[in-house]
Structures are given as structure tokens and as C-alpha cells.
Amino acid sequence: MATATNIAQLQDGEEEQLRRLTHNQRALRRLKKDYLTLGGLGILLLLVLIVITAPATTRILGIDHLTENLSKIYADPDSENLLGTDDKGRDHLARLMYGGQISLAIAVTASTLSMTIGISLGMLTGYYGGIVDDILIWLITTLNSIPQLFLLLIISSILSPSPIVFIGILGFLGWTGIMRLVRGETLSLREREYIIAARAMGASDARIMFQHIFPNLISIVVVTMAIDIGALILIESGLSFLGFGVQPPTPTWGNMLSESRAFFRKAPHLVIAPGLLISITVLCLYIIGDGLRDALDPTTVD
């Protein structure tokens, strides 16, 4: 009897502790139990660390991602070239590390740009509504009616496909989805009691949007950005495969995969490595995004 009473008291104490936790503390508690998301995050951080330290690593190993050595074309992996060489004798490991820098930089920067545009416009249109909201919804509907790949191919063929241009293209074409999400959430939040109370107390529109509405959008933004980065890596790879991506000799995982497809039988390692890195990175980002969505969901049962 005493044991049953003690167990009931422990359960009541745990429930009381859970009730005292904030939303962010609950989310962190759920993430600590989500080993799949933590594993994906660990692998992604390891990949980021490898590509960030590319200059130091290549200097220590005595390799370079641009130096050609025609005497070592299609060389198999050995002690000097750990992952072999490509069709121009360039070290494949070095090109993978520097290519990862470009691919991840394009995806992260373009995603940040599109998120900034989408969040700003979504909050403004959702809060104020009116003719600006109608015009932007018409613009989004028009853009979404045109296949994104078609737009990307047209713009990439007109402009020089450099990393900076790529970031601008992907950033300015990718804001519509997050804008619709933020607009819908803002439309709901602006009618909440605490927003009406803040407005009645004389709070400015800017204060209401940034101190009361924006904190409630963070969970949507974080989850969407994680998934968006993975999607942008795939878009960059797809455009490079079609010949409209960042042009060699500047390496990206996409154009490395595109260049090596012609000699897959002769040097399969040149295709497998960038393909695996793209797949693993995108998979980790999708797992992290899915895990964050579950952790930040207030309806999730602990």
C-alpha cells in the first residue's frame, strides 16, 4: 500500500514539474529523447565541420582542389589521394570538401534570404491586410502557377551562373511558401486576446508584430528553414546536372556529380561520393525538420 502511494506521489510530482515547464523547455525535453533527430543533427554537424575546415585539412594533407595532374587521371584511392582523382587529375577529397562549402553556403544563404522576405511580407500582409495583401496573394498565385524549374532555367540561362547569382535567384524565388504560412498564422494571432489587449494599451504596430507575433512564428520558421535548405541543395544539384548550375572549375556537389556521370564505368567513385554526400545531407535536414516539428508542436503528449 505504501509503495503504491509513493508511486502515485512520484507521478503527481512529475506531472507538476511538466506543467511548470515552458514551451521551449518542453520542446528541448522532447528533443533529448528523439535519438533519430539527434543522430541526424550529429551527422550534419560533422559534415559541416569537415567542409568548414577544408583549407586546413587540405594544407595538412598536401592536396589542392584546383591543381591538375594529367599523369594521375582517374587514379584510384591511395595514400596520397585518399578518394582518388578526377578526369583532370584533381584530388577528389579536396574538391568534395570545397564543393560542400559552396553547396551549403548557397543553400543556407538563399534560404535565409527567402525566409527574411517571406516572414517580413507575411507579417505585414497578415497584420494589415487590405490591397497590399490582395496584390501579394495575386503575385504568389501567379508565380506558383509557373513551374519553378522552368523559371530557374530561364533566369540561369540569362544570367551568369555564379554562386552569388544563384543565391539571389533561389532566394528571390523561394519566399512564397513561407510567406503564405506566416500570413495565415499572423491572421490568426492578430485576433488573440493578448494582441487586442496590447493594442488597447497603446502598443505600436511594430512592437506588437516583433514582440508578440514574431515569437509565435519561430517554430514554423525553424522547421521550414531546415526543410528548405535540403530542398535548395537538391535544386542546385538538379540545375548543375542540367548544365545551368555553378560552372567548373568552381566545385559544388551538384556539378561534380554532373561532370562525373559521363565516366561512371571508368571511375565510379567520382559519382558515388558526391551523390552520397547530397543524399546524407538532405536526409539529415529532413529528419531534423521533422523532429523539430514534433518537438515544437504544443499538442504533442510528453
C-alpha atoms as a PDB file:
ATOM      1  CA  MET A   1       0.000   0.000   0.000  1.00  0.00           C
ATOM      2  CA  ALA A   2       2.831   2.344   0.920  1.00  0.00           C
ATOM      3  CA  THR A   3       4.615   1.504  -2.310  1.00  0.00           C
ATOM      4  CA  ALA A   4       1.535   2.320  -4.408  1.00  0.00           C
ATOM      5  CA  THR A   5       1.178   5.605  -2.532  1.00  0.00           C
ATOM      6  CA  ASN A   6       4.827   6.503  -3.170  1.00  0.00           C
ATOM      7  CA  ILE A   7       4.470   5.722  -6.882  1.00  0.00           C
ATOM      8  CA  ALA A   8       1.351   7.899  -7.080  1.00  0.00           C
ATOM      9  CA  GLN A   9       3.180  10.727  -5.310  1.00  0.00           C
ATOM     10  CA  LEU A  10       6.125  10.445  -7.725  1.00  0.00           C
ATOM     11  CA  GLN A  11       3.770  10.547 -10.700  1.00  0.00           C
ATOM     12  CA  ASP A  12       1.995  13.584  -9.296  1.00  0.00           C
ATOM     13  CA  GLY A  13       5.358  15.278  -8.751  1.00  0.00           C
ATOM     14  CA  GLU A  14       6.458  14.573 -12.331  1.00  0.00           C
ATOM     15  CA  GLU A  15       3.174  15.899 -13.706  1.00  0.00           C
ATOM     16  CA  GLU A  16       3.571  19.041 -11.619  1.00  0.00           C
ATOM     17  CA  GLN A  17       7.106  19.557 -12.950  1.00  0.00           C
ATOM     18  CA  LEU A  18       5.848  19.115 -16.532  1.00  0.00           C
ATOM     19  CA  ARG A  19       3.149  21.721 -16.001  1.00  0.00           C
ATOM     20  CA  ARG A  20       5.763  24.227 -14.813  1.00  0.00           C
ATOM     21  CA  LEU A  21       7.918  23.823 -17.913  1.00  0.00           C
ATOM     22  CA  THR A  22       7.771  26.496 -20.613  1.00  0.00           C
ATOM     23  CA  HIS A  23       7.046  25.609 -24.233  1.00  0.00           C
ATOM     24  CA  ASN A  24      10.743  25.800 -25.170  1.00  0.00           C
ATOM     25  CA  GLN A  25      11.735  23.639 -22.193  1.00  0.00           C
ATOM     26  CA  ARG A  26       9.159  21.037 -23.216  1.00  0.00           C
ATOM     27  CA  ALA A  27      10.496  21.098 -26.790  1.00  0.00           C
ATOM     28  CA  LEU A  28      14.083  20.634 -25.574  1.00  0.00           C
ATOM     29  CA  ARG A  29      12.962  17.768 -23.333  1.00  0.00           C
ATOM     30  CA  ARG A  30      11.306  16.030 -26.284  1.00  0.00           C
ATOM     31  CA  LEU A  31      14.375  16.552 -28.478  1.00  0.00           C
ATOM     32  CA  LYS A  32      16.624  14.919 -25.888  1.00  0.00           C
ATOM     33  CA  LYS A  33      14.507  11.766 -26.202  1.00  0.00           C
ATOM     34  CA  ASP A  34      14.417  11.850 -30.009  1.00  0.00           C
ATOM     35  CA  TYR A  35      17.564   9.877 -30.845  1.00  0.00           C
ATOM     36  CA  LEU A  36      16.859   9.859 -34.586  1.00  0.00           C
ATOM     37  CA  THR A  37      16.826  13.666 -34.734  1.00  0.00           C
ATOM     38  CA  LEU A  38      19.898  13.896 -32.506  1.00  0.00           C
ATOM     39  CA  GLY A  39      21.697  11.407 -34.739  1.00  0.00           C
ATOM     40  CA  GLY A  40      20.798  13.399 -37.851  1.00  0.00           C
ATOM     41  CA  LEU A  41      21.966  16.594 -36.172  1.00  0.00           C
ATOM     42  CA  GLY A  42      25.254  14.974 -35.153  1.00  0.00           C
ATOM     43  CA  ILE A  43      25.967  13.706 -38.685  1.00  0.00           C
ATOM     44  CA  LEU A  44      25.069  17.084 -40.194  1.00  0.00           C
ATOM     45  CA  LEU A  45      27.335  18.957 -37.762  1.00  0.00           C
ATOM     46  CA  LEU A  46      30.167  16.543 -38.594  1.00  0.00           C
ATOM     47  CA  LEU A  47      29.735  17.212 -42.329  1.00  0.00           C
ATOM     48  CA  VAL A  48      29.645  20.970 -41.736  1.00  0.00           C
ATOM     49  CA  LEU A  49      32.801  20.750 -39.614  1.00  0.00           C
ATOM     50  CA  ILE A  50      34.584  18.796 -42.370  1.00  0.00           C
ATOM     51  CA  VAL A  51      33.739  21.290 -45.126  1.00  0.00           C
ATOM     52  CA  ILE A  52      34.482  24.328 -42.950  1.00  0.00           C
ATOM     53  CA  THR A  53      37.953  23.006 -42.105  1.00  0.00           C
ATOM     54  CA  ALA A  54      38.721  22.264 -45.775  1.00  0.00           C
ATOM     55  CA  PRO A  55      41.593  24.828 -46.076  1.00  0.00           C
ATOM     56  CA  ALA A  56      43.382  23.461 -43.006  1.00  0.00           C
ATOM     57  CA  THR A  57      42.742  19.811 -43.907  1.00  0.00           C
ATOM     58  CA  THR A  58      43.952  20.145 -47.498  1.00  0.00           C
ATOM     59  CA  ARG A  59      47.062  22.018 -46.346  1.00  0.00           C
ATOM     60  CA  ILE A  60      47.897  19.269 -43.837  1.00  0.00           C
ATOM     61  CA  LEU A  61      47.324  16.524 -46.433  1.00  0.00           C
ATOM     62  CA  GLY A  62      49.229  18.454 -49.105  1.00  0.00           C
ATOM     63  CA  ILE A  63      46.377  18.386 -51.635  1.00  0.00           C
ATOM     64  CA  ASP A  64      44.527  21.037 -53.639  1.00  0.00           C
ATOM     65  CA  HIS A  65      41.098  21.183 -55.270  1.00  0.00           C
ATOM     66  CA  LEU A  66      42.173  23.137 -58.398  1.00  0.00           C
ATOM     67  CA  THR A  67      45.656  21.813 -59.253  1.00  0.00           C
ATOM     68  CA  GLU A  68      45.552  19.483 -62.256  1.00  0.00           C
ATOM     69  CA  ASN A  69      47.855  16.497 -62.639  1.00  0.00           C
ATOM     70  CA  LEU A  70      47.370  14.823 -66.028  1.00  0.00           C
ATOM     71  CA  SER A  71      49.650  11.954 -65.040  1.00  0.00           C
ATOM     72  CA  LYS A  72      47.148  10.842 -62.376  1.00  0.00           C
ATOM     73  CA  ILE A  73      43.840  10.970 -64.254  1.00  0.00           C
ATOM     74  CA  TYR A  74      41.172   8.642 -62.764  1.00  0.00           C
ATOM     75  CA  ALA A  75      43.612   7.452 -60.109  1.00  0.00           C
ATOM     76  CA  ASP A  76      42.166   5.044 -57.569  1.00  0.00           C
ATOM     77  CA  PRO A  77      42.232   5.978 -53.882  1.00  0.00           C
ATOM     78  CA  ASP A  78      45.716   5.685 -52.376  1.00  0.00           C
ATOM     79  CA  SER A  79      47.803   7.130 -49.550  1.00  0.00           C
ATOM     80  CA  GLU A  80      48.353  10.418 -51.424  1.00  0.00           C
ATOM     81  CA  ASN A  81      44.830  10.862 -52.807  1.00  0.00           C
ATOM     82  CA  LEU A  82      42.521   9.296 -50.257  1.00  0.00           C
ATOM     83  CA  LEU A  83      39.476   9.355 -52.554  1.00  0.00           C
ATOM     84  CA  GLY A  84      41.323   9.217 -55.864  1.00  0.00           C
ATOM     85  CA  THR A  85      41.403  11.851 -58.599  1.00  0.00           C
ATOM     86  CA  ASP A  86      39.016  13.056 -61.305  1.00  0.00           C
ATOM     87  CA  ASP A  87      39.278  13.337 -65.105  1.00  0.00           C
ATOM     88  CA  LYS A  88      41.837  16.165 -64.804  1.00  0.00           C
ATOM     89  CA  GLY A  89      43.911  14.624 -62.024  1.00  0.00           C
ATOM     90  CA  ARG A  90      42.496  16.878 -59.304  1.00  0.00           C
ATOM     91  CA  ASP A  91      42.197  15.441 -55.805  1.00  0.00           C
ATOM     92  CA  HIS A  92      38.630  14.259 -55.283  1.00  0.00           C
ATOM     93  CA  LEU A  93      38.601  14.643 -51.492  1.00  0.00           C
ATOM     94  CA  ALA A  94      39.689  18.274 -51.701  1.00  0.00           C
ATOM     95  CA  ARG A  95      37.041  19.025 -54.318  1.00  0.00           C
ATOM     96  CA  LEU A  96      34.361  17.355 -52.200  1.00  0.00           C
ATOM     97  CA  MET A  97      35.246  19.490 -49.180  1.00  0.00           C
ATOM     98  CA  TYR A  98      35.390  22.758 -51.110  1.00  0.00           C
ATOM     99  CA  GLY A  99      32.319  21.752 -53.122  1.00  0.00           C
ATOM    100  CA  GLY A 100      30.460  21.199 -49.858  1.00  0.00           C
ATOM    101  CA  GLN A 101      31.342  24.728 -48.788  1.00  0.00           C
ATOM    102  CA  ILE A 102      29.779  26.167 -51.960  1.00  0.00           C
ATOM    103  CA  SER A 103      26.697  23.923 -51.931  1.00  0.00           C
ATOM    104  CA  LEU A 104      25.920  24.504 -48.248  1.00  0.00           C
ATOM    105  CA  ALA A 105      26.679  28.230 -48.476  1.00  0.00           C
ATOM    106  CA  ILE A 106      24.315  28.623 -51.438  1.00  0.00           C
ATOM    107  CA  ALA A 107      21.536  26.658 -49.711  1.00  0.00           C
ATOM    108  CA  VAL A 108      21.850  28.332 -46.293  1.00  0.00           C
ATOM    109  CA  THR A 109      22.235  31.886 -47.639  1.00  0.00           C
ATOM    110  CA  ALA A 110      19.434  31.528 -50.201  1.00  0.00           C
ATOM    111  CA  SER A 111      17.164  30.015 -47.545  1.00  0.00           C
ATOM    112  CA  THR A 112      17.949  32.878 -45.140  1.00  0.00           C
ATOM    113  CA  LEU A 113      17.169  35.420 -47.867  1.00  0.00           C
ATOM    114  CA  SER A 114      13.877  33.773 -48.814  1.00  0.00           C
ATOM    115  CA  MET A 115      12.914  33.401 -45.146  1.00  0.00           C
ATOM    116  CA  THR A 116      13.618  37.078 -44.477  1.00  0.00           C
ATOM    117  CA  ILE A 117      11.488  38.177 -47.426  1.00  0.00           C
ATOM    118  CA  GLY A 118       8.700  35.701 -46.687  1.00  0.00           C
ATOM    119  CA  ILE A 119       8.484  36.445 -42.966  1.00  0.00           C
ATOM    120  CA  SER A 120       8.518  40.222 -43.471  1.00  0.00           C
ATOM    121  CA  LEU A 121       5.843  40.198 -46.178  1.00  0.00           C
ATOM    122  CA  GLY A 122       3.781  37.537 -44.398  1.00  0.00           C
ATOM    123  CA  MET A 123       3.660  39.501 -41.154  1.00  0.00           C
ATOM    124  CA  LEU A 124       2.835  42.777 -42.913  1.00  0.00           C
ATOM    125  CA  THR A 125       0.083  41.357 -45.108  1.00  0.00           C
ATOM    126  CA  GLY A 126      -1.356  39.184 -42.344  1.00  0.00           C
ATOM    127  CA  TYR A 127      -1.441  42.043 -39.863  1.00  0.00           C
ATOM    128  CA  TYR A 128      -2.669  44.873 -42.094  1.00  0.00           C
ATOM    129  CA  GLY A 129      -4.484  43.047 -44.917  1.00  0.00           C
ATOM    130  CA  GLY A 130      -6.031  45.353 -47.498  1.00  0.00           C
ATOM    131  CA  ILE A 131      -4.946  45.969 -51.068  1.00  0.00           C
ATOM    132  CA  VAL A 132      -1.281  45.076 -50.443  1.00  0.00           C
ATOM    133  CA  ASP A 133      -2.399  41.666 -49.215  1.00  0.00           C
ATOM    134  CA  ASP A 134      -4.546  41.183 -52.330  1.00  0.00           C
ATOM    135  CA  ILE A 135      -1.687  42.170 -54.664  1.00  0.00           C
ATOM    136  CA  LEU A 136       0.814  39.850 -52.999  1.00  0.00           C
ATOM    137  CA  ILE A 137      -1.603  36.919 -52.979  1.00  0.00           C
ATOM    138  CA  TRP A 138      -2.182  37.506 -56.707  1.00  0.00           C
ATOM    139  CA  LEU A 139       1.599  37.605 -57.261  1.00  0.00           C
ATOM    140  CA  ILE A 140       2.140  34.393 -55.303  1.00  0.00           C
ATOM    141  CA  THR A 141      -0.645  32.638 -57.177  1.00  0.00           C
ATOM    142  CA  THR A 142       0.890  33.741 -60.478  1.00  0.00           C
ATOM    143  CA  LEU A 143       4.399  32.611 -59.515  1.00  0.00           C
ATOM    144  CA  ASN A 144       3.163  29.278 -58.196  1.00  0.00           C
ATOM    145  CA  SER A 145       1.294  28.621 -61.433  1.00  0.00           C
ATOM    146  CA  ILE A 146       4.633  28.639 -63.297  1.00  0.00           C
ATOM    147  CA  PRO A 147       6.870  25.585 -62.669  1.00  0.00           C
ATOM    148  CA  GLN A 148       9.801  26.732 -60.529  1.00  0.00           C
ATOM    149  CA  LEU A 149      12.310  24.681 -62.508  1.00  0.00           C
ATOM    150  CA  PHE A 150      11.154  26.449 -65.689  1.00  0.00           C
ATOM    151  CA  LEU A 151      11.733  29.875 -64.094  1.00  0.00           C
ATOM    152  CA  LEU A 152      15.116  28.819 -62.733  1.00  0.00           C
ATOM    153  CA  LEU A 153      16.249  27.532 -66.115  1.00  0.00           C
ATOM    154  CA  ILE A 154      15.213  30.759 -67.875  1.00  0.00           C
ATOM    155  CA  ILE A 155      16.883  33.047 -65.344  1.00  0.00           C
ATOM    156  CA  SER A 156      20.023  30.880 -65.131  1.00  0.00           C
ATOM    157  CA  SER A 157      20.374  30.926 -68.915  1.00  0.00           C
ATOM    158  CA  ILE A 158      20.131  34.742 -68.978  1.00  0.00           C
ATOM    159  CA  LEU A 159      22.415  35.494 -66.035  1.00  0.00           C
ATOM    160  CA  SER A 160      25.933  34.234 -65.412  1.00  0.00           C
ATOM    161  CA  PRO A 161      25.520  31.191 -63.101  1.00  0.00           C
ATOM    162  CA  SER A 162      27.923  32.205 -60.314  1.00  0.00           C
ATOM    163  CA  PRO A 163      27.349  31.371 -56.612  1.00  0.00           C
ATOM    164  CA  ILE A 164      26.207  34.954 -55.865  1.00  0.00           C
ATOM    165  CA  VAL A 165      23.743  34.928 -58.767  1.00  0.00           C
ATOM    166  CA  PHE A 166      22.497  31.504 -57.687  1.00  0.00           C
ATOM    167  CA  ILE A 167      21.860  32.725 -54.151  1.00  0.00           C
ATOM    168  CA  GLY A 168      19.883  35.687 -55.480  1.00  0.00           C
ATOM    169  CA  ILE A 169      17.816  33.553 -57.873  1.00  0.00           C
ATOM    170  CA  LEU A 170      16.945  30.881 -55.314  1.00  0.00           C
ATOM    171  CA  GLY A 171      16.344  33.432 -52.540  1.00  0.00           C
ATOM    172  CA  PHE A 172      14.025  35.692 -54.525  1.00  0.00           C
ATOM    173  CA  LEU A 173      12.023  32.796 -55.972  1.00  0.00           C
ATOM    174  CA  GLY A 174      11.680  30.761 -52.774  1.00  0.00           C
ATOM    175  CA  TRP A 175       9.827  33.124 -50.422  1.00  0.00           C
ATOM    176  CA  THR A 176       6.249  32.367 -51.459  1.00  0.00           C
ATOM    177  CA  GLY A 177       5.774  29.232 -49.354  1.00  0.00           C
ATOM    178  CA  ILE A 178       6.956  30.694 -46.047  1.00  0.00           C
ATOM    179  CA  MET A 179       5.074  33.933 -46.790  1.00  0.00           C
ATOM    180  CA  ARG A 180       1.778  32.033 -47.027  1.00  0.00           C
ATOM    181  CA  LEU A 181       2.479  30.139 -43.799  1.00  0.00           C
ATOM    182  CA  VAL A 182       3.433  33.279 -41.870  1.00  0.00           C
ATOM    183  CA  ARG A 183       0.489  35.249 -43.296  1.00  0.00           C
ATOM    184  CA  GLY A 184      -2.000  32.566 -42.219  1.00  0.00           C
ATOM    185  CA  GLU A 185      -0.537  32.341 -38.729  1.00  0.00           C
ATOM    186  CA  THR A 186      -0.459  36.131 -38.375  1.00  0.00           C
ATOM    187  CA  LEU A 187      -4.125  36.376 -39.422  1.00  0.00           C
ATOM    188  CA  SER A 188      -4.934  34.006 -36.562  1.00  0.00           C
ATOM    189  CA  LEU A 189      -2.668  35.639 -33.987  1.00  0.00           C
ATOM    190  CA  ARG A 190      -3.816  39.224 -34.548  1.00  0.00           C
ATOM    191  CA  GLU A 191      -7.277  38.348 -33.205  1.00  0.00           C
ATOM    192  CA  ARG A 192      -5.986  36.793 -29.964  1.00  0.00           C
ATOM    193  CA  GLU A 193      -6.920  38.431 -26.670  1.00  0.00           C
ATOM    194  CA  TYR A 194      -3.386  39.439 -25.704  1.00  0.00           C
ATOM    195  CA  ILE A 195      -2.859  41.172 -29.061  1.00  0.00           C
ATOM    196  CA  ILE A 196      -6.133  43.077 -28.676  1.00  0.00           C
ATOM    197  CA  ALA A 197      -5.129  43.990 -25.106  1.00  0.00           C
ATOM    198  CA  ALA A 198      -1.698  45.225 -26.245  1.00  0.00           C
ATOM    199  CA  ARG A 199      -3.329  47.327 -28.963  1.00  0.00           C
ATOM    200  CA  ALA A 200      -5.802  48.772 -26.429  1.00  0.00           C
ATOM    201  CA  MET A 201      -2.895  49.726 -24.140  1.00  0.00           C
ATOM    202  CA  GLY A 202      -1.371  51.806 -26.935  1.00  0.00           C
ATOM    203  CA  ALA A 203       1.361  49.439 -28.165  1.00  0.00           C
ATOM    204  CA  SER A 204       2.626  50.349 -31.631  1.00  0.00           C
ATOM    205  CA  ASP A 205       2.106  48.016 -34.579  1.00  0.00           C
ATOM    206  CA  ALA A 206       5.862  47.369 -34.794  1.00  0.00           C
ATOM    207  CA  ARG A 207       6.004  46.420 -31.108  1.00  0.00           C
ATOM    208  CA  ILE A 208       3.025  44.069 -31.474  1.00  0.00           C
ATOM    209  CA  MET A 209       4.489  42.373 -34.540  1.00  0.00           C
ATOM    210  CA  PHE A 210       8.023  41.882 -33.227  1.00  0.00           C
ATOM    211  CA  GLN A 211       7.355  41.271 -29.523  1.00  0.00           C
ATOM    212  CA  HIS A 212       4.033  39.427 -29.590  1.00  0.00           C
ATOM    213  CA  ILE A 213       3.531  37.887 -33.040  1.00  0.00           C
ATOM    214  CA  PHE A 214       7.041  37.023 -34.226  1.00  0.00           C
ATOM    215  CA  PRO A 215       7.973  34.840 -31.172  1.00  0.00           C
ATOM    216  CA  ASN A 216       4.974  32.640 -32.010  1.00  0.00           C
ATOM    217  CA  LEU A 217       6.281  32.163 -35.546  1.00  0.00           C
ATOM    218  CA  ILE A 218       9.743  30.903 -34.598  1.00  0.00           C
ATOM    219  CA  SER A 219       8.737  27.227 -34.550  1.00  0.00           C
ATOM    220  CA  ILE A 220       7.292  27.477 -38.076  1.00  0.00           C
ATOM    221  CA  VAL A 221      10.364  29.331 -39.323  1.00  0.00           C
ATOM    222  CA  VAL A 222      12.894  26.874 -37.837  1.00  0.00           C
ATOM    223  CA  VAL A 223      11.148  23.784 -39.191  1.00  0.00           C
ATOM    224  CA  THR A 224      10.549  25.311 -42.632  1.00  0.00           C
ATOM    225  CA  MET A 225      14.135  26.544 -42.905  1.00  0.00           C
ATOM    226  CA  ALA A 226      15.604  23.118 -42.106  1.00  0.00           C
ATOM    227  CA  ILE A 227      13.494  21.507 -44.832  1.00  0.00           C
ATOM    228  CA  ASP A 228      14.078  24.419 -47.229  1.00  0.00           C
ATOM    229  CA  ILE A 229      17.882  24.108 -47.022  1.00  0.00           C
ATOM    230  CA  GLY A 230      17.646  20.446 -48.025  1.00  0.00           C
ATOM    231  CA  ALA A 231      15.340  21.305 -50.925  1.00  0.00           C
ATOM    232  CA  LEU A 232      17.713  24.040 -52.145  1.00  0.00           C
ATOM    233  CA  ILE A 233      20.664  21.626 -52.139  1.00  0.00           C
ATOM    234  CA  LEU A 234      18.619  19.339 -54.391  1.00  0.00           C
ATOM    235  CA  ILE A 235      17.616  22.249 -56.661  1.00  0.00           C
ATOM    236  CA  GLU A 236      21.236  23.363 -57.030  1.00  0.00           C
ATOM    237  CA  SER A 237      22.269  19.795 -57.789  1.00  0.00           C
ATOM    238  CA  GLY A 238      19.487  19.401 -60.338  1.00  0.00           C
ATOM    239  CA  LEU A 239      20.369  22.627 -62.160  1.00  0.00           C
ATOM    240  CA  SER A 240      24.049  21.666 -62.176  1.00  0.00           C
ATOM    241  CA  PHE A 241      23.101  18.281 -63.615  1.00  0.00           C
ATOM    242  CA  LEU A 242      21.269  20.105 -66.419  1.00  0.00           C
ATOM    243  CA  GLY A 243      24.278  22.359 -67.035  1.00  0.00           C
ATOM    244  CA  PHE A 244      22.752  25.565 -65.618  1.00  0.00           C
ATOM    245  CA  GLY A 245      24.394  25.496 -62.193  1.00  0.00           C
ATOM    246  CA  VAL A 246      27.667  26.918 -60.896  1.00  0.00           C
ATOM    247  CA  GLN A 247      30.207  26.279 -63.631  1.00  0.00           C
ATOM    248  CA  PRO A 248      33.530  24.431 -63.234  1.00  0.00           C
ATOM    249  CA  PRO A 249      36.276  24.720 -62.148  1.00  0.00           C
ATOM    250  CA  THR A 250      34.411  26.036 -59.073  1.00  0.00           C
ATOM    251  CA  PRO A 251      33.288  22.790 -57.420  1.00  0.00           C
ATOM    252  CA  THR A 252      29.856  22.076 -55.976  1.00  0.00           C
ATOM    253  CA  TRP A 253      28.446  18.666 -55.161  1.00  0.00           C
ATOM    254  CA  GLY A 254      25.946  19.171 -57.964  1.00  0.00           C
ATOM    255  CA  ASN A 255      28.381  19.965 -60.772  1.00  0.00           C
ATOM    256  CA  MET A 256      30.818  17.299 -59.552  1.00  0.00           C
ATOM    257  CA  LEU A 257      28.023  14.758 -59.913  1.00  0.00           C
ATOM    258  CA  SER A 258      27.111  16.184 -63.310  1.00  0.00           C
ATOM    259  CA  GLU A 259      30.698  16.106 -64.609  1.00  0.00           C
ATOM    260  CA  SER A 260      31.369  12.562 -63.459  1.00  0.00           C
ATOM    261  CA  ARG A 261      28.259  10.905 -64.921  1.00  0.00           C
ATOM    262  CA  ALA A 262      29.959  10.591 -68.329  1.00  0.00           C
ATOM    263  CA  PHE A 263      32.691   8.304 -66.976  1.00  0.00           C
ATOM    264  CA  PHE A 264      30.788   6.335 -64.344  1.00  0.00           C
ATOM    265  CA  ARG A 265      32.121   2.996 -65.620  1.00  0.00           C
ATOM    266  CA  LYS A 266      35.728   4.208 -65.632  1.00  0.00           C
ATOM    267  CA  ALA A 267      35.717   5.907 -62.207  1.00  0.00           C
ATOM    268  CA  PRO A 268      32.548   5.107 -60.231  1.00  0.00           C
ATOM    269  CA  HIS A 269      33.961   6.669 -57.043  1.00  0.00           C
ATOM    270  CA  LEU A 270      33.627  10.097 -58.656  1.00  0.00           C
ATOM    271  CA  VAL A 271      29.848   9.617 -58.876  1.00  0.00           C
ATOM    272  CA  ILE A 272      29.229   7.751 -55.632  1.00  0.00           C
ATOM    273  CA  ALA A 273      30.924  10.211 -53.240  1.00  0.00           C
ATOM    274  CA  PRO A 274      29.078  13.455 -54.173  1.00  0.00           C
ATOM    275  CA  GLY A 275      25.816  11.534 -54.593  1.00  0.00           C
ATOM    276  CA  LEU A 276      26.138  10.070 -51.108  1.00  0.00           C
ATOM    277  CA  LEU A 277      27.011  13.441 -49.564  1.00  0.00           C
ATOM    278  CA  ILE A 278      23.987  15.108 -51.163  1.00  0.00           C
ATOM    279  CA  SER A 279      21.698  12.264 -50.058  1.00  0.00           C
ATOM    280  CA  ILE A 280      23.019  12.136 -46.484  1.00  0.00           C
ATOM    281  CA  THR A 281      22.896  15.921 -46.029  1.00  0.00           C
ATOM    282  CA  VAL A 282      19.356  16.261 -47.372  1.00  0.00           C
ATOM    283  CA  LEU A 283      18.156  13.250 -45.373  1.00  0.00           C
ATOM    284  CA  CYS A 284      19.637  14.682 -42.155  1.00  0.00           C
ATOM    285  CA  LEU A 285      17.984  18.057 -42.791  1.00  0.00           C
ATOM    286  CA  TYR A 286      14.601  16.437 -43.397  1.00  0.00           C
ATOM    287  CA  ILE A 287      14.960  14.302 -40.251  1.00  0.00           C
ATOM    288  CA  ILE A 288      15.910  17.378 -38.208  1.00  0.00           C
ATOM    289  CA  GLY A 289      12.997  19.359 -39.640  1.00  0.00           C
ATOM    290  CA  ASP A 290      10.560  16.544 -38.861  1.00  0.00           C
ATOM    291  CA  GLY A 291      11.959  16.153 -35.344  1.00  0.00           C
ATOM    292  CA  LEU A 292      11.754  19.882 -34.642  1.00  0.00           C
ATOM    293  CA  ARG A 293       8.157  19.946 -35.881  1.00  0.00           C
ATOM    294  CA  ASP A 294       7.203  17.196 -33.431  1.00  0.00           C
ATOM    295  CA  ALA A 295       9.152  18.761 -30.561  1.00  0.00           C
ATOM    296  CA  LEU A 296       7.711  22.246 -31.066  1.00  0.00           C
ATOM    297  CA  ASP A 297       4.135  21.010 -31.538  1.00  0.00           C
ATOM    298  CA  PRO A 298       2.220  22.111 -28.391  1.00  0.00           C
ATOM    299  CA  THR A 299      -0.278  19.246 -28.850  1.00  0.00           C
ATOM    300  CA  THR A 300       2.435  16.563 -28.568  1.00  0.00           C
ATOM    301  CA  VAL A 301       1.971  14.404 -25.485  1.00  0.00           C
ATOM    302  CA  ASP A 302       5.108  14.082 -23.308  1.00  0.00           C
END
